Amino acid sequence: MAENAVPSLAIGIASSPDGRKKLAQLLDGAGTVVIVSTVDQARQFLDVVAPPPPESSESGLRIDSDRRVLCWLDREVALTPLEHDFLRCLVGAPGRVLTYERLHLEVWGNEHVGRGSDIHSMVRRVRGKLARLGVAATIHAIRGVGIRFSLQ
């Protein structure tokens, strides 16, 4: 492999055992291959191997997990444990929509979403803290889907 080359990974999806066997034969010698039964399993795999959210971003916005504070330039604001976990999810996936289900699982540790008032309350609190610091960021609620975070 060339220096600086990125190793490839193929994910194959086949619902039946025979389909997975045929897929394995077709992809033999193709490098690293993961074969799963469903698209959901592929997504779960990708979530497991994705790198953890960064403690900081190139924009200057930084989450200090040891002290549970959000830092922007020379200012900082304290975060509750839930605010910390919520922001780590959002900052770790800028521009991507994180589903309500995923946020609930990663922040609250359960799959119950209910009406989503807990997430929307969290969004209000985090928006307020970002505004207090003067961070040019937006947190968009995508109706029926989830939340997207972006820095301007």
N, C-alpha and C. Protein backbone atom coordinates (compact mmCIF):
# COMPACT_ATOMS: atom_id res chain seq x y z
N MET A 1 0.85 -1.17 0.00
CA MET A 1 0.00 0.00 0.00
C MET A 1 0.90 1.23 0.00
N ALA A 2 0.55 2.22 -0.79
CA ALA A 2 1.34 3.44 -0.88
C ALA A 2 1.28 4.20 0.43
N GLU A 3 2.36 4.95 0.70
CA GLU A 3 2.39 5.78 1.90
C GLU A 3 1.21 6.74 1.87
N ASN A 4 0.51 7.05 2.85
CA ASN A 4 -0.65 7.95 2.88
C ASN A 4 -1.88 7.39 2.18
N ALA A 5 -1.86 6.18 1.66
CA ALA A 5 -3.05 5.62 1.03
C ALA A 5 -4.05 5.24 2.11
N VAL A 6 -5.31 5.45 1.81
CA VAL A 6 -6.37 5.12 2.75
C VAL A 6 -6.84 3.71 2.44
N PRO A 7 -6.83 2.82 3.44
CA PRO A 7 -7.30 1.46 3.17
C PRO A 7 -8.79 1.47 2.82
N SER A 8 -9.17 0.59 1.92
CA SER A 8 -10.57 0.55 1.52
C SER A 8 -11.34 -0.46 2.38
N LEU A 9 -12.63 -0.23 2.43
CA LEU A 9 -13.53 -1.10 3.16
C LEU A 9 -14.79 -1.23 2.33
N ALA A 10 -15.20 -2.46 2.08
CA ALA A 10 -16.45 -2.72 1.37
C ALA A 10 -17.44 -3.31 2.35
N ILE A 11 -18.68 -2.82 2.29
CA ILE A 11 -19.74 -3.37 3.11
C ILE A 11 -20.76 -3.98 2.16
N GLY A 12 -20.97 -5.27 2.29
CA GLY A 12 -21.95 -5.97 1.46
C GLY A 12 -23.19 -6.28 2.28
N ILE A 13 -24.34 -6.18 1.64
CA ILE A 13 -25.60 -6.45 2.32
C ILE A 13 -26.35 -7.52 1.55
N ALA A 14 -26.65 -8.60 2.23
CA ALA A 14 -27.43 -9.69 1.64
C ALA A 14 -28.29 -10.29 2.74
N SER A 15 -29.58 -10.41 2.48
CA SER A 15 -30.50 -10.84 3.54
C SER A 15 -30.46 -12.33 3.84
N SER A 16 -30.11 -13.16 2.86
CA SER A 16 -30.13 -14.61 3.10
C SER A 16 -28.71 -15.14 3.30
N PRO A 17 -28.60 -16.27 3.99
CA PRO A 17 -27.29 -16.89 4.16
C PRO A 17 -26.64 -17.24 2.81
N ASP A 18 -27.44 -17.72 1.85
CA ASP A 18 -26.89 -18.04 0.53
C ASP A 18 -26.40 -16.78 -0.17
N GLY A 19 -27.16 -15.69 -0.04
CA GLY A 19 -26.76 -14.43 -0.63
C GLY A 19 -25.46 -13.92 -0.04
N ARG A 20 -25.30 -14.06 1.27
CA ARG A 20 -24.06 -13.63 1.92
C ARG A 20 -22.89 -14.48 1.49
N LYS A 21 -23.14 -15.77 1.30
CA LYS A 21 -22.06 -16.66 0.85
C LYS A 21 -21.62 -16.28 -0.56
N LYS A 22 -22.58 -16.04 -1.45
CA LYS A 22 -22.25 -15.63 -2.83
C LYS A 22 -21.51 -14.30 -2.85
N LEU A 23 -21.97 -13.38 -2.01
CA LEU A 23 -21.33 -12.08 -1.94
C LEU A 23 -19.89 -12.21 -1.45
N ALA A 24 -19.67 -13.08 -0.47
CA ALA A 24 -18.31 -13.31 0.03
C ALA A 24 -17.42 -13.87 -1.07
N GLN A 25 -17.95 -14.75 -1.88
CA GLN A 25 -17.17 -15.32 -2.98
C GLN A 25 -16.85 -14.26 -4.02
N LEU A 26 -17.83 -13.42 -4.34
CA LEU A 26 -17.62 -12.35 -5.32
C LEU A 26 -16.58 -11.33 -4.86
N LEU A 27 -16.59 -11.05 -3.57
CA LEU A 27 -15.69 -10.03 -3.03
C LEU A 27 -14.38 -10.59 -2.51
N ASP A 28 -14.15 -11.86 -2.70
CA ASP A 28 -12.91 -12.49 -2.24
C ASP A 28 -11.72 -11.78 -2.86
N GLY A 29 -10.79 -11.39 -2.04
CA GLY A 29 -9.60 -10.71 -2.52
C GLY A 29 -9.78 -9.21 -2.71
N ALA A 30 -10.92 -8.68 -2.33
CA ALA A 30 -11.20 -7.26 -2.53
C ALA A 30 -10.73 -6.40 -1.36
N GLY A 31 -9.98 -6.95 -0.46
CA GLY A 31 -9.53 -6.19 0.71
C GLY A 31 -10.42 -6.47 1.89
N THR A 32 -10.61 -5.47 2.71
CA THR A 32 -11.44 -5.63 3.90
C THR A 32 -12.90 -5.56 3.51
N VAL A 33 -13.64 -6.62 3.87
CA VAL A 33 -15.05 -6.73 3.50
C VAL A 33 -15.85 -7.08 4.75
N VAL A 34 -16.96 -6.39 4.93
CA VAL A 34 -17.90 -6.69 6.00
C VAL A 34 -19.21 -7.04 5.32
N ILE A 35 -19.78 -8.17 5.66
CA ILE A 35 -21.05 -8.58 5.07
C ILE A 35 -22.09 -8.66 6.18
N VAL A 36 -23.20 -7.96 5.96
CA VAL A 36 -24.27 -7.90 6.95
C VAL A 36 -25.58 -8.27 6.29
N SER A 37 -26.61 -8.44 7.12
CA SER A 37 -27.92 -8.86 6.61
C SER A 37 -28.84 -7.72 6.22
N THR A 38 -28.66 -6.55 6.86
CA THR A 38 -29.58 -5.45 6.63
C THR A 38 -28.84 -4.12 6.56
N VAL A 39 -29.51 -3.13 6.02
CA VAL A 39 -28.95 -1.78 5.98
C VAL A 39 -28.75 -1.26 7.40
N ASP A 40 -29.68 -1.58 8.30
CA ASP A 40 -29.54 -1.14 9.69
C ASP A 40 -28.28 -1.70 10.34
N GLN A 41 -27.96 -2.94 10.04
CA GLN A 41 -26.73 -3.52 10.58
C GLN A 41 -25.51 -2.79 10.03
N ALA A 42 -25.53 -2.42 8.77
CA ALA A 42 -24.42 -1.67 8.18
C ALA A 42 -24.28 -0.32 8.88
N ARG A 43 -25.40 0.35 9.12
CA ARG A 43 -25.36 1.64 9.81
C ARG A 43 -24.81 1.49 11.22
N GLN A 44 -25.24 0.43 11.92
CA GLN A 44 -24.74 0.19 13.27
C GLN A 44 -23.23 -0.04 13.24
N PHE A 45 -22.77 -0.80 12.27
CA PHE A 45 -21.33 -1.05 12.14
C PHE A 45 -20.59 0.25 11.93
N LEU A 46 -21.09 1.08 11.04
CA LEU A 46 -20.43 2.35 10.75
C LEU A 46 -20.43 3.27 11.97
N ASP A 47 -21.49 3.24 12.76
CA ASP A 47 -21.51 4.04 13.99
C ASP A 47 -20.47 3.54 14.98
N VAL A 48 -20.23 2.23 15.02
CA VAL A 48 -19.26 1.66 15.95
C VAL A 48 -17.84 2.02 15.55
N VAL A 49 -17.52 1.99 14.26
CA VAL A 49 -16.14 2.23 13.83
C VAL A 49 -15.84 3.70 13.56
N ALA A 50 -16.86 4.56 13.61
CA ALA A 50 -16.62 5.99 13.39
C ALA A 50 -15.75 6.53 14.52
N PRO A 51 -14.85 7.47 14.21
CA PRO A 51 -14.02 8.03 15.27
C PRO A 51 -14.87 8.82 16.26
N PRO A 52 -14.45 8.88 17.51
CA PRO A 52 -15.22 9.63 18.50
C PRO A 52 -15.25 11.11 18.13
N PRO A 53 -16.28 11.83 18.60
CA PRO A 53 -16.35 13.25 18.31
C PRO A 53 -15.13 13.98 18.82
N PRO A 54 -14.65 14.96 18.09
CA PRO A 54 -13.46 15.68 18.52
C PRO A 54 -13.75 16.56 19.73
N GLU A 55 -12.71 16.78 20.55
CA GLU A 55 -12.83 17.67 21.69
C GLU A 55 -12.83 19.12 21.21
N SER A 56 -12.31 19.35 20.02
CA SER A 56 -12.27 20.71 19.51
C SER A 56 -12.50 20.69 18.01
N SER A 57 -12.80 21.84 17.48
CA SER A 57 -12.98 21.96 16.05
C SER A 57 -12.07 23.06 15.53
N GLU A 58 -11.89 23.10 14.23
CA GLU A 58 -11.03 24.10 13.62
C GLU A 58 -11.57 25.51 13.82
N SER A 59 -12.84 25.64 14.17
CA SER A 59 -13.48 26.94 14.29
C SER A 59 -13.12 27.66 15.59
N GLY A 60 -12.51 26.97 16.53
CA GLY A 60 -12.22 27.57 17.82
C GLY A 60 -13.20 27.15 18.90
N LEU A 61 -14.28 26.50 18.52
CA LEU A 61 -15.23 25.99 19.50
C LEU A 61 -14.66 24.71 20.08
N ARG A 62 -14.61 24.63 21.41
CA ARG A 62 -13.99 23.48 22.05
C ARG A 62 -14.82 23.04 23.25
N ILE A 63 -14.93 21.74 23.40
CA ILE A 63 -15.60 21.17 24.57
C ILE A 63 -14.53 20.56 25.46
N ASP A 64 -14.41 21.07 26.66
CA ASP A 64 -13.46 20.53 27.63
C ASP A 64 -14.22 19.51 28.47
N SER A 65 -14.05 18.23 28.13
CA SER A 65 -14.81 17.18 28.81
C SER A 65 -14.36 16.96 30.24
N ASP A 66 -13.09 17.23 30.54
CA ASP A 66 -12.62 17.05 31.91
C ASP A 66 -13.30 18.01 32.87
N ARG A 67 -13.50 19.25 32.43
CA ARG A 67 -14.12 20.26 33.28
C ARG A 67 -15.58 20.50 32.94
N ARG A 68 -16.07 19.86 31.89
CA ARG A 68 -17.44 20.03 31.39
C ARG A 68 -17.76 21.50 31.13
N VAL A 69 -16.94 22.10 30.27
CA VAL A 69 -17.19 23.48 29.87
C VAL A 69 -17.10 23.58 28.35
N LEU A 70 -17.85 24.54 27.82
CA LEU A 70 -17.80 24.87 26.40
C LEU A 70 -16.94 26.11 26.27
N CYS A 71 -15.92 26.05 25.42
CA CYS A 71 -14.97 27.15 25.28
C CYS A 71 -15.08 27.76 23.89
N TRP A 72 -15.06 29.07 23.84
CA TRP A 72 -15.07 29.81 22.57
C TRP A 72 -14.13 30.99 22.74
N LEU A 73 -13.07 31.00 21.95
CA LEU A 73 -12.05 32.04 22.03
C LEU A 73 -11.53 32.09 23.47
N ASP A 74 -11.69 33.21 24.17
CA ASP A 74 -11.17 33.31 25.53
C ASP A 74 -12.26 33.19 26.59
N ARG A 75 -13.46 32.74 26.18
CA ARG A 75 -14.58 32.62 27.11
C ARG A 75 -15.01 31.17 27.26
N GLU A 76 -15.68 30.90 28.35
CA GLU A 76 -16.22 29.55 28.56
C GLU A 76 -17.48 29.60 29.39
N VAL A 77 -18.27 28.55 29.27
CA VAL A 77 -19.52 28.43 30.02
C VAL A 77 -19.63 26.98 30.49
N ALA A 78 -20.14 26.81 31.72
CA ALA A 78 -20.28 25.47 32.29
C ALA A 78 -21.42 24.72 31.60
N LEU A 79 -21.26 23.40 31.52
CA LEU A 79 -22.27 22.53 30.93
C LEU A 79 -22.73 21.50 31.96
N THR A 80 -24.01 21.19 31.93
CA THR A 80 -24.49 20.07 32.73
C THR A 80 -24.02 18.78 32.04
N PRO A 81 -24.06 17.65 32.72
CA PRO A 81 -23.66 16.41 32.05
C PRO A 81 -24.47 16.13 30.77
N LEU A 82 -25.78 16.38 30.80
CA LEU A 82 -26.59 16.14 29.60
C LEU A 82 -26.24 17.12 28.49
N GLU A 83 -26.05 18.40 28.84
CA GLU A 83 -25.66 19.39 27.83
C GLU A 83 -24.33 19.01 27.20
N HIS A 84 -23.41 18.56 28.01
CA HIS A 84 -22.09 18.13 27.52
C HIS A 84 -22.23 17.00 26.51
N ASP A 85 -22.97 15.96 26.88
CA ASP A 85 -23.13 14.81 25.99
C ASP A 85 -23.86 15.20 24.71
N PHE A 86 -24.87 16.03 24.83
CA PHE A 86 -25.64 16.50 23.68
C PHE A 86 -24.74 17.28 22.72
N LEU A 87 -23.98 18.22 23.25
CA LEU A 87 -23.09 19.03 22.40
C LEU A 87 -22.00 18.19 21.76
N ARG A 88 -21.47 17.21 22.48
CA ARG A 88 -20.44 16.34 21.90
C ARG A 88 -20.99 15.61 20.68
N CYS A 89 -22.23 15.16 20.78
CA CYS A 89 -22.85 14.50 19.62
C CYS A 89 -22.96 15.46 18.45
N LEU A 90 -23.46 16.66 18.72
CA LEU A 90 -23.68 17.63 17.64
C LEU A 90 -22.38 18.13 17.03
N VAL A 91 -21.42 18.50 17.88
CA VAL A 91 -20.15 19.04 17.39
C VAL A 91 -19.37 17.96 16.64
N GLY A 92 -19.56 16.71 17.02
CA GLY A 92 -18.87 15.60 16.36
C GLY A 92 -19.43 15.26 14.99
N ALA A 93 -20.58 15.84 14.64
CA ALA A 93 -21.20 15.55 13.34
C ALA A 93 -21.75 16.84 12.73
N PRO A 94 -20.89 17.85 12.54
CA PRO A 94 -21.39 19.12 12.02
C PRO A 94 -22.02 18.97 10.64
N GLY A 95 -23.18 19.58 10.47
CA GLY A 95 -23.86 19.53 9.18
C GLY A 95 -24.71 18.29 8.96
N ARG A 96 -24.52 17.27 9.78
CA ARG A 96 -25.31 16.04 9.64
C ARG A 96 -26.54 16.11 10.54
N VAL A 97 -27.62 15.52 10.08
CA VAL A 97 -28.82 15.43 10.90
C VAL A 97 -28.71 14.19 11.78
N LEU A 98 -28.75 14.41 13.09
CA LEU A 98 -28.75 13.29 14.03
C LEU A 98 -30.20 13.04 14.41
N THR A 99 -30.64 11.80 14.25
CA THR A 99 -32.04 11.50 14.53
C THR A 99 -32.34 11.66 16.01
N TYR A 100 -33.61 11.93 16.30
CA TYR A 100 -34.04 12.03 17.69
C TYR A 100 -33.72 10.74 18.43
N GLU A 101 -33.93 9.61 17.77
CA GLU A 101 -33.68 8.31 18.41
C GLU A 101 -32.21 8.17 18.79
N ARG A 102 -31.32 8.53 17.85
CA ARG A 102 -29.88 8.40 18.13
C ARG A 102 -29.46 9.33 19.25
N LEU A 103 -29.93 10.58 19.21
CA LEU A 103 -29.58 11.52 20.28
C LEU A 103 -30.09 11.02 21.63
N HIS A 104 -31.30 10.52 21.64
CA HIS A 104 -31.86 10.04 22.90
C HIS A 104 -31.03 8.88 23.44
N LEU A 105 -30.64 7.99 22.56
CA LEU A 105 -29.85 6.83 22.99
C LEU A 105 -28.47 7.27 23.50
N GLU A 106 -27.81 8.17 22.77
CA GLU A 106 -26.45 8.57 23.15
C GLU A 106 -26.41 9.51 24.35
N VAL A 107 -27.42 10.35 24.51
CA VAL A 107 -27.40 11.33 25.59
C VAL A 107 -28.11 10.82 26.84
N TRP A 108 -29.31 10.28 26.68
CA TRP A 108 -30.09 9.83 27.83
C TRP A 108 -29.92 8.34 28.11
N GLY A 109 -29.37 7.61 27.15
CA GLY A 109 -29.10 6.19 27.36
C GLY A 109 -30.29 5.28 27.21
N ASN A 110 -31.37 5.76 26.57
CA ASN A 110 -32.51 4.89 26.32
C ASN A 110 -33.12 5.24 24.98
N GLU A 111 -34.04 4.43 24.53
CA GLU A 111 -34.62 4.62 23.21
C GLU A 111 -35.94 5.38 23.24
N HIS A 112 -36.42 5.73 24.41
CA HIS A 112 -37.71 6.41 24.51
C HIS A 112 -37.57 7.85 24.02
N VAL A 113 -38.37 8.21 23.04
CA VAL A 113 -38.34 9.56 22.51
C VAL A 113 -39.55 10.35 22.99
N GLY A 114 -40.68 9.70 23.11
CA GLY A 114 -41.89 10.40 23.54
C GLY A 114 -42.23 11.52 22.58
N ARG A 115 -42.58 12.66 23.11
CA ARG A 115 -42.92 13.81 22.26
C ARG A 115 -41.69 14.60 21.86
N GLY A 116 -40.54 14.28 22.43
CA GLY A 116 -39.32 14.99 22.08
C GLY A 116 -39.11 16.27 22.85
N SER A 117 -39.95 16.52 23.87
CA SER A 117 -39.83 17.78 24.62
C SER A 117 -38.50 17.86 25.35
N ASP A 118 -37.94 16.71 25.77
CA ASP A 118 -36.65 16.74 26.46
C ASP A 118 -35.55 17.21 25.51
N ILE A 119 -35.58 16.76 24.28
CA ILE A 119 -34.57 17.19 23.31
C ILE A 119 -34.75 18.66 22.97
N HIS A 120 -35.98 19.09 22.76
CA HIS A 120 -36.22 20.49 22.41
C HIS A 120 -35.87 21.43 23.57
N SER A 121 -36.07 20.98 24.79
CA SER A 121 -35.66 21.76 25.95
C SER A 121 -34.14 21.87 25.98
N MET A 122 -33.46 20.78 25.68
CA MET A 122 -32.00 20.78 25.64
C MET A 122 -31.50 21.73 24.55
N VAL A 123 -32.15 21.72 23.39
CA VAL A 123 -31.77 22.62 22.30
C VAL A 123 -31.86 24.07 22.76
N ARG A 124 -32.94 24.43 23.44
CA ARG A 124 -33.11 25.81 23.94
C ARG A 124 -31.97 26.19 24.89
N ARG A 125 -31.66 25.30 25.82
CA ARG A 125 -30.60 25.59 26.79
C ARG A 125 -29.24 25.73 26.12
N VAL A 126 -28.94 24.82 25.20
CA VAL A 126 -27.64 24.86 24.52
C VAL A 126 -27.55 26.08 23.61
N ARG A 127 -28.63 26.42 22.91
CA ARG A 127 -28.63 27.64 22.09
C ARG A 127 -28.32 28.87 22.95
N GLY A 128 -28.92 28.91 24.13
CA GLY A 128 -28.67 30.03 25.03
C GLY A 128 -27.21 30.13 25.44
N LYS A 129 -26.60 28.99 25.72
CA LYS A 129 -25.19 29.00 26.13
C LYS A 129 -24.28 29.37 24.96
N LEU A 130 -24.60 28.90 23.77
CA LEU A 130 -23.83 29.29 22.58
C LEU A 130 -23.95 30.80 22.34
N ALA A 131 -25.16 31.33 22.51
CA ALA A 131 -25.38 32.76 22.31
C ALA A 131 -24.62 33.58 23.35
N ARG A 132 -24.60 33.10 24.60
CA ARG A 132 -23.87 33.81 25.66
C ARG A 132 -22.39 33.93 25.33
N LEU A 133 -21.85 32.92 24.66
CA LEU A 133 -20.44 32.95 24.28
C LEU A 133 -20.21 33.73 22.99
N GLY A 134 -21.29 34.00 22.26
CA GLY A 134 -21.14 34.69 20.98
C GLY A 134 -20.75 33.78 19.84
N VAL A 135 -21.02 32.49 19.96
CA VAL A 135 -20.69 31.52 18.92
C VAL A 135 -21.67 31.65 17.78
N ALA A 136 -21.15 31.77 16.57
CA ALA A 136 -22.00 31.84 15.37
C ALA A 136 -22.34 30.42 14.94
N ALA A 137 -23.30 29.83 15.62
CA ALA A 137 -23.70 28.45 15.34
C ALA A 137 -25.21 28.38 15.28
N THR A 138 -25.69 27.39 14.54
CA THR A 138 -27.13 27.17 14.50
C THR A 138 -27.42 25.71 14.84
N ILE A 139 -28.51 25.53 15.54
CA ILE A 139 -29.02 24.20 15.82
C ILE A 139 -30.42 24.17 15.23
N HIS A 140 -30.58 23.38 14.17
CA HIS A 140 -31.85 23.29 13.47
C HIS A 140 -32.58 22.02 13.88
N ALA A 141 -33.85 22.17 14.20
CA ALA A 141 -34.71 21.01 14.42
C ALA A 141 -35.33 20.66 13.08
N ILE A 142 -35.09 19.46 12.61
CA ILE A 142 -35.66 18.98 11.36
C ILE A 142 -36.91 18.19 11.74
N ARG A 143 -38.07 18.78 11.48
CA ARG A 143 -39.35 18.22 11.95
C ARG A 143 -39.48 16.74 11.63
N GLY A 144 -39.74 15.96 12.67
CA GLY A 144 -39.98 14.53 12.51
C GLY A 144 -38.73 13.70 12.28
N VAL A 145 -37.56 14.34 12.21
CA VAL A 145 -36.34 13.59 11.89
C VAL A 145 -35.29 13.71 13.00
N GLY A 146 -34.81 14.94 13.25
CA GLY A 146 -33.76 15.10 14.23
C GLY A 146 -33.22 16.50 14.30
N ILE A 147 -31.95 16.62 14.66
CA ILE A 147 -31.30 17.90 14.92
C ILE A 147 -30.02 17.99 14.09
N ARG A 148 -29.77 19.20 13.55
CA ARG A 148 -28.54 19.45 12.79
C ARG A 148 -27.84 20.66 13.40
N PHE A 149 -26.51 20.54 13.58
CA PHE A 149 -25.69 21.59 14.13
C PHE A 149 -24.73 22.08 13.05
N SER A 150 -24.60 23.41 12.95
CA SER A 150 -23.60 23.94 12.01
C SER A 150 -23.02 25.23 12.55
N LEU A 151 -21.76 25.42 12.24
CA LEU A 151 -21.05 26.66 12.58
C LEU A 151 -21.00 27.52 11.33
N GLN A 152 -21.19 28.82 11.51
CA GLN A 152 -21.12 29.71 10.35
C GLN A 152 -19.74 30.27 10.19
